[in-house]
PDB file of N, CA and C in Angstrom:
ATOM      1  N   MET A   1       8.641   4.200-114.748  1.00  0.00           N
ATOM      2  CA  MET A   1       7.347   3.579-114.965  1.00  0.00           C
ATOM      3  C   MET A   1       6.773   3.050-113.657  1.00  0.00           C
ATOM      4  N   LYS A   2       7.669   2.543-112.810  1.00  0.00           N
ATOM      5  CA  LYS A   2       7.237   1.986-111.533  1.00  0.00           C
ATOM      6  C   LYS A   2       6.586   3.057-110.664  1.00  0.00           C
ATOM      7  N   SER A   3       7.194   4.222-110.630  1.00  0.00           N
ATOM      8  CA  SER A   3       6.647   5.279-109.780  1.00  0.00           C
ATOM      9  C   SER A   3       5.353   5.841-110.354  1.00  0.00           C
ATOM     10  N   LEU A   4       5.231   5.850-111.697  1.00  0.00           N
ATOM     11  CA  LEU A   4       4.002   6.340-112.322  1.00  0.00           C
ATOM     12  C   LEU A   4       2.816   5.443-111.961  1.00  0.00           C
ATOM     13  N   ILE A   5       3.035   4.135-111.962  1.00  0.00           N
ATOM     14  CA  ILE A   5       1.975   3.193-111.588  1.00  0.00           C
ATOM     15  C   ILE A   5       1.593   3.384-110.121  1.00  0.00           C
ATOM     16  N   SER A   6       2.585   3.580-109.261  1.00  0.00           N
ATOM     17  CA  SER A   6       2.300   3.783-107.838  1.00  0.00           C
ATOM     18  C   SER A   6       1.551   5.085-107.600  1.00  0.00           C
ATOM     19  N   ILE A   7       1.942   6.146-108.314  1.00  0.00           N
ATOM     20  CA  ILE A   7       1.260   7.438-108.155  1.00  0.00           C
ATOM     21  C   ILE A   7      -0.184   7.334-108.624  1.00  0.00           C
ATOM     22  N   LEU A   8      -0.407   6.672-109.755  1.00  0.00           N
ATOM     23  CA  LEU A   8      -1.768   6.470-110.245  1.00  0.00           C
ATOM     24  C   LEU A   8      -2.579   5.644-109.244  1.00  0.00           C
ATOM     25  N   GLY A   9      -1.964   4.634-108.655  1.00  0.00           N
ATOM     26  CA  GLY A   9      -2.643   3.821-107.651  1.00  0.00           C
ATOM     27  C   GLY A   9      -3.027   4.629-106.426  1.00  0.00           C
ATOM     28  N   ILE A  10      -2.122   5.505-105.970  1.00  0.00           N
ATOM     29  CA  ILE A  10      -2.412   6.340-104.804  1.00  0.00           C
ATOM     30  C   ILE A  10      -3.554   7.310-105.116  1.00  0.00           C
ATOM     31  N   LEU A  11      -3.554   7.880-106.319  1.00  0.00           N
ATOM     32  CA  LEU A  11      -4.651   8.779-106.705  1.00  0.00           C
ATOM     33  C   LEU A  11      -5.988   8.040-106.751  1.00  0.00           C
ATOM     34  N   LEU A  12      -5.983   6.813-107.269  1.00  0.00           N
ATOM     35  CA  LEU A  12      -7.225   6.029-107.284  1.00  0.00           C
ATOM     36  C   LEU A  12      -7.699   5.690-105.871  1.00  0.00           C
ATOM     37  N   ILE A  13      -6.764   5.418-104.972  1.00  0.00           N
ATOM     38  CA  ILE A  13      -7.139   5.146-103.578  1.00  0.00           C
ATOM     39  C   ILE A  13      -7.793   6.371-102.963  1.00  0.00           C
ATOM     40  N   ILE A  14      -7.225   7.546-103.196  1.00  0.00           N
ATOM     41  CA  ILE A  14      -7.788   8.784-102.646  1.00  0.00           C
ATOM     42  C   ILE A  14      -9.181   9.042-103.221  1.00  0.00           C
ATOM     43  N   VAL A  15      -9.332   8.885-104.544  1.00  0.00           N
ATOM     44  CA  VAL A  15     -10.642   9.089-105.176  1.00  0.00           C
ATOM     45  C   VAL A  15     -11.655   8.083-104.634  1.00  0.00           C
ATOM     46  N   GLY A  16     -11.241   6.846-104.440  1.00  0.00           N
ATOM     47  CA  GLY A  16     -12.140   5.820-103.905  1.00  0.00           C
ATOM     48  C   GLY A  16     -12.605   6.135-102.499  1.00  0.00           C
ATOM     49  N   ILE A  17     -11.695   6.591-101.650  1.00  0.00           N
ATOM     50  CA  ILE A  17     -12.064   6.932-100.272  1.00  0.00           C
ATOM     51  C   ILE A  17     -13.025   8.116-100.244  1.00  0.00           C
ATOM     52  N   VAL A  18     -12.737   9.144-101.046  1.00  0.00           N
ATOM     53  CA  VAL A  18     -13.610  10.324-101.082  1.00  0.00           C
ATOM     54  C   VAL A  18     -14.988   9.952-101.618  1.00  0.00           C
ATOM     55  N   THR A  19     -15.038   9.109-102.641  1.00  0.00           N
ATOM     56  CA  THR A  19     -16.317   8.704-103.222  1.00  0.00           C
ATOM     57  C   THR A  19     -17.153   7.894-102.238  1.00  0.00           C
ATOM     58  N   VAL A  20     -16.527   7.000-101.502  1.00  0.00           N
ATOM     59  CA  VAL A  20     -17.265   6.208-100.511  1.00  0.00           C
ATOM     60  C   VAL A  20     -17.719   7.085 -99.351  1.00  0.00           C
ATOM     61  N   ALA A  21     -16.892   8.043 -98.960  1.00  0.00           N
ATOM     62  CA  ALA A  21     -17.222   8.887 -97.807  1.00  0.00           C
ATOM     63  C   ALA A  21     -18.361   9.863 -98.106  1.00  0.00           C
ATOM     64  N   TYR A  22     -18.359  10.496 -99.274  1.00  0.00           N
ATOM     65  CA  TYR A  22     -19.334  11.550 -99.538  1.00  0.00           C
ATOM     66  C   TYR A  22     -20.534  11.096-100.357  1.00  0.00           C
ATOM     67  N   GLN A  23     -20.409  10.173-101.242  1.00  0.00           N
ATOM     68  CA  GLN A  23     -21.483   9.572-102.031  1.00  0.00           C
ATOM     69  C   GLN A  23     -22.298  10.565-102.849  1.00  0.00           C
ATOM     70  N   GLY A  24     -21.866  11.814-102.964  1.00  0.00           N
ATOM     71  CA  GLY A  24     -22.579  12.751-103.816  1.00  0.00           C
ATOM     72  C   GLY A  24     -22.197  14.190-103.547  1.00  0.00           C
ATOM     73  N   ILE A  25     -22.489  15.043-104.514  1.00  0.00           N
ATOM     74  CA  ILE A  25     -22.223  16.470-104.391  1.00  0.00           C
ATOM     75  C   ILE A  25     -23.546  17.197-104.577  1.00  0.00           C
ATOM     76  N   THR A  26     -23.866  18.112-103.661  1.00  0.00           N
ATOM     77  CA  THR A  26     -25.085  18.898-103.748  1.00  0.00           C
ATOM     78  C   THR A  26     -24.726  20.328-104.116  1.00  0.00           C
ATOM     79  N   TYR A  27     -25.471  20.895-105.060  1.00  0.00           N
ATOM     80  CA  TYR A  27     -25.243  22.276-105.463  1.00  0.00           C
ATOM     81  C   TYR A  27     -26.580  22.970-105.680  1.00  0.00           C
ATOM     82  N   THR A  28     -26.549  24.308-105.664  1.00  0.00           N
ATOM     83  CA  THR A  28     -27.758  25.108-105.836  1.00  0.00           C
ATOM     84  C   THR A  28     -27.732  25.753-107.214  1.00  0.00           C
ATOM     85  N   GLN A  29     -28.877  25.702-107.893  1.00  0.00           N
ATOM     86  CA  GLN A  29     -28.982  26.273-109.220  1.00  0.00           C
ATOM     87  C   GLN A  29     -30.184  27.204-109.272  1.00  0.00           C
ATOM     88  N   GLN A  30     -30.005  28.368-109.891  1.00  0.00           N
ATOM     89  CA  GLN A  30     -31.121  29.291-110.052  1.00  0.00           C
ATOM     90  C   GLN A  30     -31.839  28.992-111.356  1.00  0.00           C
ATOM     91  N   GLU A  31     -33.147  28.866-111.267  1.00  0.00           N
ATOM     92  CA  GLU A  31     -33.957  28.610-112.459  1.00  0.00           C
ATOM     93  C   GLU A  31     -34.930  29.764-112.659  1.00  0.00           C
ATOM     94  N   LYS A  32     -35.075  30.175-113.898  1.00  0.00           N
ATOM     95  CA  LYS A  32     -36.008  31.252-114.219  1.00  0.00           C
ATOM     96  C   LYS A  32     -37.417  30.667-114.230  1.00  0.00           C
ATOM     97  N   VAL A  33     -38.271  31.204-113.379  1.00  0.00           N
ATOM     98  CA  VAL A  33     -39.644  30.720-113.286  1.00  0.00           C
ATOM     99  C   VAL A  33     -40.538  31.490-114.243  1.00  0.00           C
ATOM    100  N   ALA A  34     -40.399  32.820-114.249  1.00  0.00           N
ATOM    101  CA  ALA A  34     -41.238  33.647-115.119  1.00  0.00           C
ATOM    102  C   ALA A  34     -40.513  34.947-115.431  1.00  0.00           C
ATOM    103  N   GLN A  35     -40.896  35.545-116.557  1.00  0.00           N
ATOM    104  CA  GLN A  35     -40.343  36.839-116.920  1.00  0.00           C
ATOM    105  C   GLN A  35     -41.450  37.652-117.570  1.00  0.00           C
ATOM    106  N   ILE A  36     -41.710  38.798-116.943  1.00  0.00           N
ATOM    107  CA  ILE A  36     -42.717  39.713-117.469  1.00  0.00           C
ATOM    108  C   ILE A  36     -42.025  41.053-117.668  1.00  0.00           C
ATOM    109  N   GLY A  37     -41.701  41.382-118.894  1.00  0.00           N
ATOM    110  CA  GLY A  37     -40.962  42.605-119.182  1.00  0.00           C
ATOM    111  C   GLY A  37     -39.574  42.530-118.558  1.00  0.00           C
ATOM    112  N   ASP A  38     -39.255  43.534-117.724  1.00  0.00           N
ATOM    113  CA  ASP A  38     -37.966  43.556-117.040  1.00  0.00           C
ATOM    114  C   ASP A  38     -37.984  42.763-115.729  1.00  0.00           C
ATOM    115  N   LEU A  39     -39.145  42.339-115.296  1.00  0.00           N
ATOM    116  CA  LEU A  39     -39.283  41.607-114.034  1.00  0.00           C
ATOM    117  C   LEU A  39     -38.988  40.123-114.261  1.00  0.00           C
ATOM    118  N   LYS A  40     -37.991  39.624-113.548  1.00  0.00           N
ATOM    119  CA  LYS A  40     -37.634  38.210-113.650  1.00  0.00           C
ATOM    120  C   LYS A  40     -37.867  37.547-112.299  1.00  0.00           C
ATOM    121  N   ILE A  41     -38.525  36.413-112.319  1.00  0.00           N
ATOM    122  CA  ILE A  41     -38.762  35.648-111.094  1.00  0.00           C
ATOM    123  C   ILE A  41     -37.934  34.370-111.194  1.00  0.00           C
ATOM    124  N   THR A  42     -37.059  34.164-110.194  1.00  0.00           N
ATOM    125  CA  THR A  42     -36.210  32.980-110.174  1.00  0.00           C
ATOM    126  C   THR A  42     -36.459  32.186-108.900  1.00  0.00           C
ATOM    127  N   ALA A  43     -36.093  30.937-108.959  1.00  0.00           N
ATOM    128  CA  ALA A  43     -36.209  30.061-107.790  1.00  0.00           C
ATOM    129  C   ALA A  43     -34.909  29.283-107.645  1.00  0.00           C
ATOM    130  N   ASP A  44     -34.442  29.137-106.418  1.00  0.00           N
ATOM    131  CA  ASP A  44     -33.255  28.338-106.133  1.00  0.00           C
ATOM    132  C   ASP A  44     -33.666  26.888-105.913  1.00  0.00           C
ATOM    133  N   THR A  45     -33.045  25.998-106.648  1.00  0.00           N
ATOM    134  CA  THR A  45     -33.315  24.574-106.476  1.00  0.00           C
ATOM    135  C   THR A  45     -32.002  23.861-106.183  1.00  0.00           C
ATOM    136  N   GLN A  46     -32.065  22.891-105.282  1.00  0.00           N
ATOM    137  CA  GLN A  46     -30.881  22.100-104.953  1.00  0.00           C
ATOM    138  C   GLN A  46     -30.881  20.832-105.786  1.00  0.00           C
ATOM    139  N   LYS A  47     -29.733  20.552-106.371  1.00  0.00           N
ATOM    140  CA  LYS A  47     -29.582  19.340-107.166  1.00  0.00           C
ATOM    141  C   LYS A  47     -28.411  18.549-106.615  1.00  0.00           C
ATOM    142  N   THR A  48     -28.468  17.239-106.784  1.00  0.00           N
ATOM    143  CA  THR A  48     -27.427  16.362-106.254  1.00  0.00           C
ATOM    144  C   THR A  48     -26.915  15.441-107.351  1.00  0.00           C
ATOM    145  N   ILE A  49     -25.591  15.321-107.427  1.00  0.00           N
ATOM    146  CA  ILE A  49     -24.953  14.347-108.295  1.00  0.00           C
ATOM    147  C   ILE A  49     -24.548  13.181-107.405  1.00  0.00           C
ATOM    148  N   HIS A  50     -25.147  12.016-107.609  1.00  0.00           N
ATOM    149  CA  HIS A  50     -24.890  10.856-106.761  1.00  0.00           C
ATOM    150  C   HIS A  50     -23.733  10.024-107.313  1.00  0.00           C
ATOM    151  N   PHE A  51     -22.874   9.545-106.402  1.00  0.00           N
ATOM    152  CA  PHE A  51     -21.802   8.626-106.745  1.00  0.00           C
ATOM    153  C   PHE A  51     -22.143   7.271-106.143  1.00  0.00           C
ATOM    154  N   PRO A  52     -22.259   6.233-106.954  1.00  0.00           N
ATOM    155  CA  PRO A  52     -22.564   4.917-106.396  1.00  0.00           C
ATOM    156  C   PRO A  52     -21.400   4.414-105.537  1.00  0.00           C
ATOM    157  N   PRO A  53     -21.678   3.845-104.369  1.00  0.00           N
ATOM    158  CA  PRO A  53     -20.607   3.352-103.503  1.00  0.00           C
ATOM    159  C   PRO A  53     -19.758   2.265-104.169  1.00  0.00           C
ATOM    160  N   ILE A  54     -20.348   1.500-105.075  1.00  0.00           N
ATOM    161  CA  ILE A  54     -19.584   0.446-105.753  1.00  0.00           C
ATOM    162  C   ILE A  54     -18.481   1.058-106.603  1.00  0.00           C
ATOM    163  N   LEU A  55     -18.732   2.252-107.158  1.00  0.00           N
ATOM    164  CA  LEU A  55     -17.724   2.937-107.956  1.00  0.00           C
ATOM    165  C   LEU A  55     -16.513   3.300-107.092  1.00  0.00           C
ATOM    166  N   GLY A  56     -16.774   3.784-105.881  1.00  0.00           N
ATOM    167  CA  GLY A  56     -15.679   4.093-104.965  1.00  0.00           C
ATOM    168  C   GLY A  56     -14.925   2.859-104.534  1.00  0.00           C
ATOM    169  N   GLY A  57     -15.646   1.779-104.311  1.00  0.00           N
ATOM    170  CA  GLY A  57     -14.996   0.531-103.921  1.00  0.00           C
ATOM    171  C   GLY A  57     -14.115  -0.017-105.026  1.00  0.00           C
ATOM    172  N   LEU A  58     -14.591   0.077-106.265  1.00  0.00           N
ATOM    173  CA  LEU A  58     -13.788  -0.389-107.398  1.00  0.00           C
ATOM    174  C   LEU A  58     -12.537   0.472-107.591  1.00  0.00           C
ATOM    175  N   ALA A  59     -12.675   1.777-107.429  1.00  0.00           N
ATOM    176  CA  ALA A  59     -11.514   2.660-107.554  1.00  0.00           C
ATOM    177  C   ALA A  59     -10.500   2.371-106.449  1.00  0.00           C
ATOM    178  N   LEU A  60     -10.980   2.125-105.252  1.00  0.00           N
ATOM    179  CA  LEU A  60     -10.108   1.807-104.126  1.00  0.00           C
ATOM    180  C   LEU A  60      -9.367   0.488-104.376  1.00  0.00           C
ATOM    181  N   ALA A  61     -10.083  -0.532-104.830  1.00  0.00           N
ATOM    182  CA  ALA A  61      -9.459  -1.829-105.100  1.00  0.00           C
ATOM    183  C   ALA A  61      -8.449  -1.734-106.246  1.00  0.00           C
ATOM    184  N   ALA A  62      -8.802  -1.008-107.303  1.00  0.00           N
ATOM    185  CA  ALA A  62      -7.877  -0.841-108.430  1.00  0.00           C
ATOM    186  C   ALA A  62      -6.627  -0.087-107.995  1.00  0.00           C
ATOM    187  N   GLY A  63      -6.785   0.903-107.137  1.00  0.00           N
ATOM    188  CA  GLY A  63      -5.635   1.641-106.627  1.00  0.00           C
ATOM    189  C   GLY A  63      -4.714   0.764-105.807  1.00  0.00           C
ATOM    190  N   LEU A  64      -5.287  -0.083-104.974  1.00  0.00           N
ATOM    191  CA  LEU A  64      -4.470  -0.996-104.171  1.00  0.00           C
ATOM    192  C   LEU A  64      -3.700  -1.970-105.059  1.00  0.00           C
ATOM    193  N   VAL A  65      -4.353  -2.479-106.099  1.00  0.00           N
ATOM    194  CA  VAL A  65      -3.684  -3.396-107.026  1.00  0.00           C
ATOM    195  C   VAL A  65      -2.528  -2.696-107.726  1.00  0.00           C
ATOM    196  N   LEU A  66      -2.737  -1.459-108.171  1.00  0.00           N
ATOM    197  CA  LEU A  66      -1.681  -0.728-108.852  1.00  0.00           C
ATOM    198  C   LEU A  66      -0.498  -0.423-107.948  1.00  0.00           C
ATOM    199  N   VAL A  67      -0.771  -0.115-106.679  1.00  0.00           N
ATOM    200  CA  VAL A  67       0.323   0.146-105.732  1.00  0.00           C
ATOM    201  C   VAL A  67       1.136  -1.120-105.508  1.00  0.00           C
ATOM    202  N   VAL A  68       0.473  -2.251-105.368  1.00  0.00           N
ATOM    203  CA  VAL A  68       1.176  -3.521-105.165  1.00  0.00           C
ATOM    204  C   VAL A  68       2.018  -3.875-106.405  1.00  0.00           C
ATOM    205  N   ILE A  69       1.428  -3.700-107.598  1.00  0.00           N
ATOM    206  CA  ILE A  69       2.166  -3.989-108.827  1.00  0.00           C
ATOM    207  C   ILE A  69       3.368  -3.045-108.965  1.00  0.00           C
ATOM    208  N   GLY A  70       3.177  -1.788-108.622  1.00  0.00           N
ATOM    209  CA  GLY A  70       4.269  -0.825-108.723  1.00  0.00           C
ATOM    210  C   GLY A  70       5.419  -1.126-107.792  1.00  0.00           C
ATOM    211  N   ARG A  71       5.147  -1.703-106.649  1.00  0.00           N
ATOM    212  CA  ARG A  71       6.220  -2.037-105.696  1.00  0.00           C
ATOM    213  C   ARG A  71       6.940  -3.319-106.060  1.00  0.00           C
ATOM    214  N   LYS A  72       6.255  -4.245-106.741  1.00  0.00           N
ATOM    215  CA  LYS A  72       6.881  -5.519-107.105  1.00  0.00           C
ATOM    216  C   LYS A  72       7.877  -5.362-108.250  1.00  0.00           C
ATOM    217  N   LYS A  73       7.645  -4.418-109.129  1.00  0.00           N
ATOM    218  CA  LYS A  73       8.527  -4.281-110.306  1.00  0.00           C
ATOM    219  C   LYS A  73       9.838  -3.658-109.959  1.00  0.00           C
TER     220      LYS A  73
END
């Protein structure tokens, strides 16, 4: 149980650091603009999924707490 708590804490620390460092993921999506018979007109649009920095900070803090608790037991 002790090692499981420590492993979970380390994973939360990693997720917290990545979330604070990148703050979002950008991807490209094709959208159909018009279709006339067999002719299809598409447009590429970029969309971003934002990660709030507070979420990364909370994950980092929770991970640190779990690592400390895992070592004390």
